[in-house]
Structure formats: C-alpha cells, structure tokens
All heavy atoms as atom14 arrays in JSON, in Angstrom:
{
  "sequence": "PAARTGAIFMVLDNHTHADDRLIAATSEAAARVELHTHTDDGNGVM",
  "atom14_mask": [
    [1, 1, 1, 1, 1, 1, 1, 0, 0, 0, 0, 0, 0, 0],
    [1, 1, 1, 1, 1, 0, 0, 0, 0, 0, 0, 0, 0, 0],
    [1, 1, 1, 1, 1, 0, 0, 0, 0, 0, 0, 0, 0, 0],
    [1, 1, 1, 1, 1, 1, 1, 1, 1, 1, 1, 0, 0, 0],
    [1, 1, 1, 1, 1, 1, 1, 0, 0, 0, 0, 0, 0, 0],
    [1, 1, 1, 1, 0, 0, 0, 0, 0, 0, 0, 0, 0, 0],
    [1, 1, 1, 1, 1, 0, 0, 0, 0, 0, 0, 0, 0, 0],
    [1, 1, 1, 1, 1, 1, 1, 1, 0, 0, 0, 0, 0, 0],
    [1, 1, 1, 1, 1, 1, 1, 1, 1, 1, 1, 0, 0, 0],
    [1, 1, 1, 1, 1, 1, 1, 1, 0, 0, 0, 0, 0, 0],
    [1, 1, 1, 1, 1, 1, 1, 0, 0, 0, 0, 0, 0, 0],
    [1, 1, 1, 1, 1, 1, 1, 1, 0, 0, 0, 0, 0, 0],
    [1, 1, 1, 1, 1, 1, 1, 1, 0, 0, 0, 0, 0, 0],
    [1, 1, 1, 1, 1, 1, 1, 1, 0, 0, 0, 0, 0, 0],
    [1, 1, 1, 1, 1, 1, 1, 1, 1, 1, 0, 0, 0, 0],
    [1, 1, 1, 1, 1, 1, 1, 0, 0, 0, 0, 0, 0, 0],
    [1, 1, 1, 1, 1, 1, 1, 1, 1, 1, 0, 0, 0, 0],
    [1, 1, 1, 1, 1, 0, 0, 0, 0, 0, 0, 0, 0, 0],
    [1, 1, 1, 1, 1, 1, 1, 1, 0, 0, 0, 0, 0, 0],
    [1, 1, 1, 1, 1, 1, 1, 1, 0, 0, 0, 0, 0, 0],
    [1, 1, 1, 1, 1, 1, 1, 1, 1, 1, 1, 0, 0, 0],
    [1, 1, 1, 1, 1, 1, 1, 1, 0, 0, 0, 0, 0, 0],
    [1, 1, 1, 1, 1, 1, 1, 1, 0, 0, 0, 0, 0, 0],
    [1, 1, 1, 1, 1, 0, 0, 0, 0, 0, 0, 0, 0, 0],
    [1, 1, 1, 1, 1, 0, 0, 0, 0, 0, 0, 0, 0, 0],
    [1, 1, 1, 1, 1, 1, 1, 0, 0, 0, 0, 0, 0, 0],
    [1, 1, 1, 1, 1, 1, 0, 0, 0, 0, 0, 0, 0, 0],
    [1, 1, 1, 1, 1, 1, 1, 1, 1, 0, 0, 0, 0, 0],
    [1, 1, 1, 1, 1, 0, 0, 0, 0, 0, 0, 0, 0, 0],
    [1, 1, 1, 1, 1, 0, 0, 0, 0, 0, 0, 0, 0, 0],
    [1, 1, 1, 1, 1, 0, 0, 0, 0, 0, 0, 0, 0, 0],
    [1, 1, 1, 1, 1, 1, 1, 1, 1, 1, 1, 0, 0, 0],
    [1, 1, 1, 1, 1, 1, 1, 0, 0, 0, 0, 0, 0, 0],
    [1, 1, 1, 1, 1, 1, 1, 1, 1, 0, 0, 0, 0, 0],
    [1, 1, 1, 1, 1, 1, 1, 1, 0, 0, 0, 0, 0, 0],
    [1, 1, 1, 1, 1, 1, 1, 1, 1, 1, 0, 0, 0, 0],
    [1, 1, 1, 1, 1, 1, 1, 0, 0, 0, 0, 0, 0, 0],
    [1, 1, 1, 1, 1, 1, 1, 1, 1, 1, 0, 0, 0, 0],
    [1, 1, 1, 1, 1, 1, 1, 0, 0, 0, 0, 0, 0, 0],
    [1, 1, 1, 1, 1, 1, 1, 1, 0, 0, 0, 0, 0, 0],
    [1, 1, 1, 1, 1, 1, 1, 1, 0, 0, 0, 0, 0, 0],
    [1, 1, 1, 1, 0, 0, 0, 0, 0, 0, 0, 0, 0, 0],
    [1, 1, 1, 1, 1, 1, 1, 1, 0, 0, 0, 0, 0, 0],
    [1, 1, 1, 1, 0, 0, 0, 0, 0, 0, 0, 0, 0, 0],
    [1, 1, 1, 1, 1, 1, 1, 0, 0, 0, 0, 0, 0, 0],
    [1, 1, 1, 1, 1, 1, 1, 1, 0, 0, 0, 0, 0, 0]
  ],
  "atom14_positions": [
    [[0.9, -1.28, 0.04], [0.02, 0.03, -0.02], [0.88, 1.33, -0.06], [0.36, 2.28, -0.51], [-0.83, -0.08, 1.3], [-0.9, -1.63, 1.63], [0.44, -2.13, 1.11], [0.0, 0.0, 0.0], [0.0, 0.0, 0.0], [0.0, 0.0, 0.0], [0.0, 0.0, 0.0], [0.0, 0.0, 0.0], [0.0, 0.0, 0.0], [0.0, 0.0, 0.0]],
    [[2.01, 1.11, 0.49], [2.94, 2.43, 0.49], [3.81, 2.58, -0.7], [4.47, 3.54, -0.9], [3.82, 2.26, 1.71], [0.0, 0.0, 0.0], [0.0, 0.0, 0.0], [0.0, 0.0, 0.0], [0.0, 0.0, 0.0], [0.0, 0.0, 0.0], [0.0, 0.0, 0.0], [0.0, 0.0, 0.0], [0.0, 0.0, 0.0], [0.0, 0.0, 0.0]],
    [[3.79, 1.64, -1.66], [4.54, 1.67, -2.89], [4.21, 2.9, -3.65], [3.08, 3.33, -3.74], [4.32, 0.48, -3.69], [0.0, 0.0, 0.0], [0.0, 0.0, 0.0], [0.0, 0.0, 0.0], [0.0, 0.0, 0.0], [0.0, 0.0, 0.0], [0.0, 0.0, 0.0], [0.0, 0.0, 0.0], [0.0, 0.0, 0.0], [0.0, 0.0, 0.0]],
    [[5.19, 3.51, -4.31], [5.06, 4.67, -5.16], [4.96, 4.25, -6.64], [4.79, 5.08, -7.42], [6.22, 5.64, -4.87], [6.3, 6.3, -3.5], [5.26, 7.18, -3.18], [5.28, 8.31, -4.25], [4.17, 8.92, -4.61], [2.97, 8.58, -4.15], [4.26, 9.86, -5.53], [0.0, 0.0, 0.0], [0.0, 0.0, 0.0], [0.0, 0.0, 0.0]],
    [[5.13, 3.05, -6.89], [4.98, 2.47, -8.29], [4.07, 1.28, -8.29], [3.76, 0.62, -7.34], [6.39, 2.02, -8.79], [6.88, 0.96, -7.97], [7.39, 3.17, -8.79], [0.0, 0.0, 0.0], [0.0, 0.0, 0.0], [0.0, 0.0, 0.0], [0.0, 0.0, 0.0], [0.0, 0.0, 0.0], [0.0, 0.0, 0.0], [0.0, 0.0, 0.0]],
    [[3.58, 1.05, -9.52], [2.8, -0.12, -9.77], [2.91, -0.51, -11.23], [3.65, 0.13, -11.97], [0.0, 0.0, 0.0], [0.0, 0.0, 0.0], [0.0, 0.0, 0.0], [0.0, 0.0, 0.0], [0.0, 0.0, 0.0], [0.0, 0.0, 0.0], [0.0, 0.0, 0.0], [0.0, 0.0, 0.0], [0.0, 0.0, 0.0], [0.0, 0.0, 0.0]],
    [[2.32, -1.6, -11.58], [2.34, -2.13, -12.95], [1.01, -2.6, -13.45], [0.23, -3.07, -12.59], [3.38, -3.19, -13.03], [0.0, 0.0, 0.0], [0.0, 0.0, 0.0], [0.0, 0.0, 0.0], [0.0, 0.0, 0.0], [0.0, 0.0, 0.0], [0.0, 0.0, 0.0], [0.0, 0.0, 0.0], [0.0, 0.0, 0.0], [0.0, 0.0, 0.0]],
    [[0.8, -2.64, -14.69], [-0.34, -3.14, -15.3], [0.08, -4.29, -16.29], [0.94, -4.04, -17.1], [-1.2, -2.09, -15.99], [-1.63, -1.01, -15.01], [-2.37, -2.69, -16.67], [-2.42, 0.19, -15.53], [0.0, 0.0, 0.0], [0.0, 0.0, 0.0], [0.0, 0.0, 0.0], [0.0, 0.0, 0.0], [0.0, 0.0, 0.0], [0.0, 0.0, 0.0]],
    [[-0.68, -5.35, -16.24], [-0.37, -6.52, -17.1], [-1.66, -6.83, -17.93], [-2.79, -6.58, -17.4], [0.04, -7.66, -16.31], [1.09, -7.27, -15.28], [0.82, -7.07, -14.0], [2.46, -7.15, -15.72], [1.83, -6.67, -12.98], [3.4, -6.82, -14.71], [3.15, -6.57, -13.45], [0.0, 0.0, 0.0], [0.0, 0.0, 0.0], [0.0, 0.0, 0.0]],
    [[-1.52, -7.38, -19.11], [-2.64, -7.76, -19.99], [-2.14, -8.52, -21.16], [-0.99, -8.67, -21.4], [-3.34, -6.47, -20.36], [-2.47, -5.62, -21.26], [-3.01, -3.92, -21.64], [-2.5, -3.02, -20.11], [0.0, 0.0, 0.0], [0.0, 0.0, 0.0], [0.0, 0.0, 0.0], [0.0, 0.0, 0.0], [0.0, 0.0, 0.0], [0.0, 0.0, 0.0]],
    [[-3.09, -8.97, -21.89], [-2.8, -9.6, -23.21], [-3.42, -8.66, -24.29], [-4.73, -8.28, -24.2], [-3.58, -11.03, -23.36], [-3.31, -11.56, -24.76], [-3.06, -11.84, -22.28], [0.0, 0.0, 0.0], [0.0, 0.0, 0.0], [0.0, 0.0, 0.0], [0.0, 0.0, 0.0], [0.0, 0.0, 0.0], [0.0, 0.0, 0.0], [0.0, 0.0, 0.0]],
    [[-2.64, -8.22, -25.25], [-3.05, -7.51, -26.28], [-3.24, -8.33, -27.57], [-2.35, -8.99, -28.02], [-2.07, -6.46, -26.7], [-1.7, -5.45, -25.48], [-0.53, -4.52, -25.85], [-2.92, -4.61, -25.13], [0.0, 0.0, 0.0], [0.0, 0.0, 0.0], [0.0, 0.0, 0.0], [0.0, 0.0, 0.0], [0.0, 0.0, 0.0], [0.0, 0.0, 0.0]],
    [[-4.47, -8.45, -28.01], [-4.82, -9.4, -29.11], [-5.25, -8.62, -30.36], [-6.17, -7.82, -30.35], [-6.04, -10.34, -28.6], [-6.24, -11.57, -29.29], [-5.49, -11.71, -30.34], [-7.06, -12.31, -29.04], [0.0, 0.0, 0.0], [0.0, 0.0, 0.0], [0.0, 0.0, 0.0], [0.0, 0.0, 0.0], [0.0, 0.0, 0.0], [0.0, 0.0, 0.0]],
    [[-4.5, -8.78, -31.46], [-4.75, -8.1, -32.74], [-5.58, -8.92, -33.63], [-5.22, -9.98, -34.12], [-3.41, -7.69, -33.37], [-3.46, -6.85, -34.6], [-4.58, -6.73, -35.06], [-2.37, -6.42, -35.04], [0.0, 0.0, 0.0], [0.0, 0.0, 0.0], [0.0, 0.0, 0.0], [0.0, 0.0, 0.0], [0.0, 0.0, 0.0], [0.0, 0.0, 0.0]],
    [[-6.79, -8.45, -33.93], [-7.7, -9.16, -34.76], [-7.7, -8.63, -36.26], [-8.66, -8.87, -36.92], [-9.23, -9.11, -34.2], [-9.27, -9.87, -32.94], [-9.66, -11.18, -33.01], [-9.1, -9.54, -31.67], [-9.78, -11.7, -31.66], [-9.31, -10.7, -30.93], [0.0, 0.0, 0.0], [0.0, 0.0, 0.0], [0.0, 0.0, 0.0], [0.0, 0.0, 0.0]],
    [[-6.68, -7.94, -36.53], [-6.63, -7.17, -37.94], [-5.7, -7.94, -38.78], [-4.91, -8.84, -38.37], [-6.32, -5.73, -37.77], [-4.88, -5.6, -37.48], [-7.2, -4.98, -36.83], [0.0, 0.0, 0.0], [0.0, 0.0, 0.0], [0.0, 0.0, 0.0], [0.0, 0.0, 0.0], [0.0, 0.0, 0.0], [0.0, 0.0, 0.0], [0.0, 0.0, 0.0]],
    [[-5.56, -7.47, -40.07], [-4.66, -8.09, -40.98], [-3.37, -7.32, -41.05], [-2.53, -7.57, -41.98], [-5.31, -8.05, -42.49], [-6.5, -8.91, -42.58], [-6.54, -10.33, -42.43], [-7.85, -8.6, -42.72], [-7.71, -10.74, -42.59], [-8.56, -9.7, -42.73], [0.0, 0.0, 0.0], [0.0, 0.0, 0.0], [0.0, 0.0, 0.0], [0.0, 0.0, 0.0]],
    [[-3.2, -6.32, -40.18], [-1.98, -5.52, -40.09], [-1.36, -5.56, -38.76], [-1.96, -5.44, -37.68], [-2.3, -4.16, -40.53], [0.0, 0.0, 0.0], [0.0, 0.0, 0.0], [0.0, 0.0, 0.0], [0.0, 0.0, 0.0], [0.0, 0.0, 0.0], [0.0, 0.0, 0.0], [0.0, 0.0, 0.0], [0.0, 0.0, 0.0], [0.0, 0.0, 0.0]],
    [[0.06, -5.54, -38.78], [0.64, -5.42, -37.49], [0.33, -4.06, -36.8], [0.02, -3.12, -37.52], [2.21, -5.42, -37.68], [2.76, -6.81, -38.21], [1.96, -7.84, -38.18], [3.86, -6.85, -38.67], [0.0, 0.0, 0.0], [0.0, 0.0, 0.0], [0.0, 0.0, 0.0], [0.0, 0.0, 0.0], [0.0, 0.0, 0.0], [0.0, 0.0, 0.0]],
    [[0.4, -3.96, -35.54], [0.16, -2.75, -34.83], [1.16, -2.72, -33.79], [2.0, -3.62, -33.55], [-1.28, -2.67, -34.26], [-1.79, -1.15, -34.14], [-0.92, -0.3, -33.98], [-3.0, -1.0, -34.08], [0.0, 0.0, 0.0], [0.0, 0.0, 0.0], [0.0, 0.0, 0.0], [0.0, 0.0, 0.0], [0.0, 0.0, 0.0], [0.0, 0.0, 0.0]],
    [[1.04, -1.67, -32.9], [2.14, -1.37, -31.84], [1.53, -0.58, -30.77], [0.82, 0.47, -31.01], [3.33, -0.64, -32.53], [4.41, -0.37, -31.54], [5.64, 0.16, -32.33], [6.27, -0.81, -33.16], [7.17, -1.7, -32.75], [7.46, -1.83, -31.51], [7.58, -2.63, -33.52], [0.0, 0.0, 0.0], [0.0, 0.0, 0.0], [0.0, 0.0, 0.0]],
    [[1.66, -1.0, -29.52], [1.33, -0.24, -28.37], [2.48, 0.85, -28.16], [3.61, 0.37, -27.92], [1.12, -1.05, -27.08], [0.82, -0.18, -25.79], [-0.44, 0.55, -25.88], [0.84, -1.21, -24.64], [0.0, 0.0, 0.0], [0.0, 0.0, 0.0], [0.0, 0.0, 0.0], [0.0, 0.0, 0.0], [0.0, 0.0, 0.0], [0.0, 0.0, 0.0]],
    [[2.27, 2.16, -28.38], [3.26, 3.11, -28.41], [3.28, 3.95, -27.14], [4.33, 4.58, -26.84], [3.25, 3.94, -29.62], [1.92, 4.66, -29.82], [3.64, 3.11, -30.92], [1.86, 5.65, -30.96], [0.0, 0.0, 0.0], [0.0, 0.0, 0.0], [0.0, 0.0, 0.0], [0.0, 0.0, 0.0], [0.0, 0.0, 0.0], [0.0, 0.0, 0.0]],
    [[2.19, 4.1, -26.36], [2.19, 4.9, -25.17], [1.05, 4.44, -24.29], [0.06, 3.83, -24.72], [1.99, 6.33, -25.52], [0.0, 0.0, 0.0], [0.0, 0.0, 0.0], [0.0, 0.0, 0.0], [0.0, 0.0, 0.0], [0.0, 0.0, 0.0], [0.0, 0.0, 0.0], [0.0, 0.0, 0.0], [0.0, 0.0, 0.0], [0.0, 0.0, 0.0]],
    [[1.15, 4.91, -23.04], [0.0, 4.73, -22.07], [0.0, 5.97, -21.1], [1.05, 6.49, -20.87], [0.19, 3.42, -21.42], [0.0, 0.0, 0.0], [0.0, 0.0, 0.0], [0.0, 0.0, 0.0], [0.0, 0.0, 0.0], [0.0, 0.0, 0.0], [0.0, 0.0, 0.0], [0.0, 0.0, 0.0], [0.0, 0.0, 0.0], [0.0, 0.0, 0.0]],
    [[-1.17, 6.35, -20.72], [-1.35, 7.41, -19.69], [-2.31, 6.97, -18.69], [-3.21, 6.16, -18.99], [-1.72, 8.77, -20.36], [-3.05, 8.5, -21.08], [-0.78, 9.25, -21.35], [0.0, 0.0, 0.0], [0.0, 0.0, 0.0], [0.0, 0.0, 0.0], [0.0, 0.0, 0.0], [0.0, 0.0, 0.0], [0.0, 0.0, 0.0], [0.0, 0.0, 0.0]],
    [[-2.22, 7.59, -17.45], [-3.22, 7.36, -16.42], [-3.17, 8.45, -15.37], [-2.06, 8.91, -15.05], [-2.91, 5.96, -15.75], [-3.86, 5.78, -14.74], [0.0, 0.0, 0.0], [0.0, 0.0, 0.0], [0.0, 0.0, 0.0], [0.0, 0.0, 0.0], [0.0, 0.0, 0.0], [0.0, 0.0, 0.0], [0.0, 0.0, 0.0], [0.0, 0.0, 0.0]],
    [[-4.36, 8.89, -14.86], [-4.37, 9.8, -13.74], [-3.9, 9.2, -12.58], [-3.78, 9.88, -11.6], [-5.76, 10.47, -13.74], [-6.01, 11.31, -14.89], [-7.38, 12.06, -14.77], [-8.01, 12.05, -13.67], [-7.82, 12.7, -15.73], [0.0, 0.0, 0.0], [0.0, 0.0, 0.0], [0.0, 0.0, 0.0], [0.0, 0.0, 0.0], [0.0, 0.0, 0.0]],
    [[-3.68, 7.85, -12.49], [-3.32, 7.2, -11.22], [-1.77, 7.42, -10.97], [-1.33, 7.03, -9.87], [-3.6, 5.72, -11.36], [0.0, 0.0, 0.0], [0.0, 0.0, 0.0], [0.0, 0.0, 0.0], [0.0, 0.0, 0.0], [0.0, 0.0, 0.0], [0.0, 0.0, 0.0], [0.0, 0.0, 0.0], [0.0, 0.0, 0.0], [0.0, 0.0, 0.0]],
    [[-1.0, 7.96, -11.91], [0.36, 8.05, -11.74], [0.94, 9.35, -12.45], [0.33, 9.79, -13.39], [1.1, 6.9, -12.28], [0.0, 0.0, 0.0], [0.0, 0.0, 0.0], [0.0, 0.0, 0.0], [0.0, 0.0, 0.0], [0.0, 0.0, 0.0], [0.0, 0.0, 0.0], [0.0, 0.0, 0.0], [0.0, 0.0, 0.0], [0.0, 0.0, 0.0]],
    [[1.96, 9.88, -11.86], [2.56, 11.05, -12.38], [3.26, 10.84, -13.78], [3.22, 11.67, -14.7], [3.61, 11.64, -11.43], [0.0, 0.0, 0.0], [0.0, 0.0, 0.0], [0.0, 0.0, 0.0], [0.0, 0.0, 0.0], [0.0, 0.0, 0.0], [0.0, 0.0, 0.0], [0.0, 0.0, 0.0], [0.0, 0.0, 0.0], [0.0, 0.0, 0.0]],
    [[3.72, 9.58, -13.93], [4.4, 9.23, -15.13], [3.96, 7.77, -15.49], [3.99, 6.93, -14.49], [5.84, 9.4, -15.12], [6.47, 9.36, -16.36], [7.94, 9.93, -16.32], [8.78, 8.81, -15.72], [9.84, 9.07, -14.96], [10.15, 10.27, -14.62], [10.58, 8.16, -14.58], [0.0, 0.0, 0.0], [0.0, 0.0, 0.0], [0.0, 0.0, 0.0]],
    [[3.72, 7.42, -16.68], [3.39, 6.08, -17.2], [4.32, 5.76, -18.35], [4.43, 6.53, -19.3], [1.91, 6.0, -17.62], [1.6, 4.55, -18.05], [0.94, 6.45, -16.55], [0.0, 0.0, 0.0], [0.0, 0.0, 0.0], [0.0, 0.0, 0.0], [0.0, 0.0, 0.0], [0.0, 0.0, 0.0], [0.0, 0.0, 0.0], [0.0, 0.0, 0.0]],
    [[4.97, 4.65, -18.21], [5.93, 4.22, -19.27], [5.69, 2.75, -19.67], [5.2, 1.96, -18.83], [7.36, 4.34, -18.84], [7.76, 5.82, -18.52], [9.28, 5.9, -18.12], [9.88, 4.88, -17.8], [9.65, 7.08, -17.85], [0.0, 0.0, 0.0], [0.0, 0.0, 0.0], [0.0, 0.0, 0.0], [0.0, 0.0, 0.0], [0.0, 0.0, 0.0]],
    [[6.12, 2.37, -20.84], [6.11, 1.05, -21.29], [7.4, 0.4, -20.96], [8.54, 0.94, -21.32], [5.83, 0.84, -22.74], [4.6, 1.58, -23.23], [4.52, 1.44, -24.82], [3.31, 0.95, -22.63], [0.0, 0.0, 0.0], [0.0, 0.0, 0.0], [0.0, 0.0, 0.0], [0.0, 0.0, 0.0], [0.0, 0.0, 0.0], [0.0, 0.0, 0.0]],
    [[7.52, -0.71, -20.15], [8.7, -1.3, -19.55], [8.86, -2.7, -19.92], [7.96, -3.34, -20.26], [8.76, -1.08, -17.99], [9.19, 0.21, -17.54], [9.81, 0.41, -16.29], [9.2, 1.4, -18.12], [10.06, 1.64, -16.04], [9.74, 2.24, -17.2], [0.0, 0.0, 0.0], [0.0, 0.0, 0.0], [0.0, 0.0, 0.0], [0.0, 0.0, 0.0]],
    [[10.08, -3.19, -19.85], [10.48, -4.6, -19.93], [11.61, -4.85, -19.06], [12.18, -4.09, -18.38], [10.73, -4.95, -21.47], [10.73, -6.46, -21.48], [12.15, -4.56, -21.84], [0.0, 0.0, 0.0], [0.0, 0.0, 0.0], [0.0, 0.0, 0.0], [0.0, 0.0, 0.0], [0.0, 0.0, 0.0], [0.0, 0.0, 0.0], [0.0, 0.0, 0.0]],
    [[11.81, -6.19, -18.87], [13.11, -6.66, -18.19], [14.01, -7.33, -19.18], [13.54, -8.09, -20.08], [12.65, -7.76, -17.17], [11.87, -7.3, -15.88], [10.53, -7.15, -15.85], [12.42, -6.75, -14.77], [10.19, -6.61, -14.78], [11.29, -6.37, -14.06], [0.0, 0.0, 0.0], [0.0, 0.0, 0.0], [0.0, 0.0, 0.0], [0.0, 0.0, 0.0]],
    [[15.26, -7.08, -19.04], [16.25, -7.75, -19.91], [17.5, -8.28, -18.95], [17.78, -7.52, -17.91], [16.78, -6.89, -20.93], [17.27, -5.6, -20.38], [15.75, -6.58, -21.98], [0.0, 0.0, 0.0], [0.0, 0.0, 0.0], [0.0, 0.0, 0.0], [0.0, 0.0, 0.0], [0.0, 0.0, 0.0], [0.0, 0.0, 0.0], [0.0, 0.0, 0.0]],
    [[18.16, -9.37, -19.35], [19.17, -9.92, -18.66], [20.43, -9.02, -19.0], [20.66, -8.77, -20.24], [19.46, -11.33, -19.05], [20.5, -12.0, -18.2], [21.43, -11.37, -17.83], [20.22, -13.27, -17.9], [0.0, 0.0, 0.0], [0.0, 0.0, 0.0], [0.0, 0.0, 0.0], [0.0, 0.0, 0.0], [0.0, 0.0, 0.0], [0.0, 0.0, 0.0]],
    [[21.12, -8.54, -18.05], [22.37, -7.76, -18.35], [23.6, -8.55, -18.74], [24.71, -8.03, -18.92], [22.58, -6.83, -17.16], [23.32, -7.57, -15.98], [23.3, -8.9, -16.06], [23.67, -6.92, -14.98], [0.0, 0.0, 0.0], [0.0, 0.0, 0.0], [0.0, 0.0, 0.0], [0.0, 0.0, 0.0], [0.0, 0.0, 0.0], [0.0, 0.0, 0.0]],
    [[23.36, -9.81, -18.94], [24.54, -10.69, -19.3], [25.15, -11.34, -18.11], [25.96, -12.3, -18.25], [0.0, 0.0, 0.0], [0.0, 0.0, 0.0], [0.0, 0.0, 0.0], [0.0, 0.0, 0.0], [0.0, 0.0, 0.0], [0.0, 0.0, 0.0], [0.0, 0.0, 0.0], [0.0, 0.0, 0.0], [0.0, 0.0, 0.0], [0.0, 0.0, 0.0]],
    [[24.81, -10.84, -16.95], [25.43, -11.4, -15.69], [24.39, -12.19, -14.88], [24.64, -12.32, -13.61], [26.09, -10.32, -14.85], [27.33, -9.74, -15.62], [28.05, -10.45, -16.19], [27.39, -8.43, -15.66], [0.0, 0.0, 0.0], [0.0, 0.0, 0.0], [0.0, 0.0, 0.0], [0.0, 0.0, 0.0], [0.0, 0.0, 0.0], [0.0, 0.0, 0.0]],
    [[23.19, -12.35, -15.49], [22.18, -13.08, -14.81], [21.26, -12.17, -13.91], [20.41, -12.52, -13.17], [0.0, 0.0, 0.0], [0.0, 0.0, 0.0], [0.0, 0.0, 0.0], [0.0, 0.0, 0.0], [0.0, 0.0, 0.0], [0.0, 0.0, 0.0], [0.0, 0.0, 0.0], [0.0, 0.0, 0.0], [0.0, 0.0, 0.0], [0.0, 0.0, 0.0]],
    [[21.47, -10.74, -13.99], [20.78, -9.74, -13.27], [19.74, -9.21, -14.27], [20.09, -8.73, -15.33], [21.65, -8.69, -12.75], [20.85, -7.67, -12.06], [22.67, -9.33, -11.71], [0.0, 0.0, 0.0], [0.0, 0.0, 0.0], [0.0, 0.0, 0.0], [0.0, 0.0, 0.0], [0.0, 0.0, 0.0], [0.0, 0.0, 0.0], [0.0, 0.0, 0.0]],
    [[18.49, -9.24, -13.84], [17.4, -8.69, -14.68], [17.19, -7.16, -14.42], [17.21, -6.79, -13.19], [15.99, -9.4, -14.35], [16.04, -10.88, -14.77], [16.48, -11.23, -16.47], [15.07, -10.52, -17.26], [0.0, 0.0, 0.0], [0.0, 0.0, 0.0], [0.0, 0.0, 0.0], [0.0, 0.0, 0.0], [0.0, 0.0, 0.0], [0.0, 0.0, 0.0]]
  ]
}
C-alpha cells in the first residue's frame, strides 16, 4: 500500500490483417506512465 510505483499487465490481441504497436499509455493514477520490460544484463541480473 505504501509503494510509489505499480504495474499493469494484460494480453493485447490483434484481430486485424496488419501489425500494430502499443506506443504509449497514460493514467491519472500516476505522475508518469511508461512501457517497460526486463532484460538480462548478461550477468544473470534482470
């Protein structure tokens, strides 16, 4: 409850004949909203 950050997860399903892309997100629930991922730095640290 005291966290200053949160995350949203979902499945994006494209029913069209063309590729698309999620390029941004906004919400009044946070000062800033970004699209994030995790990657391995090569040393086993995400």
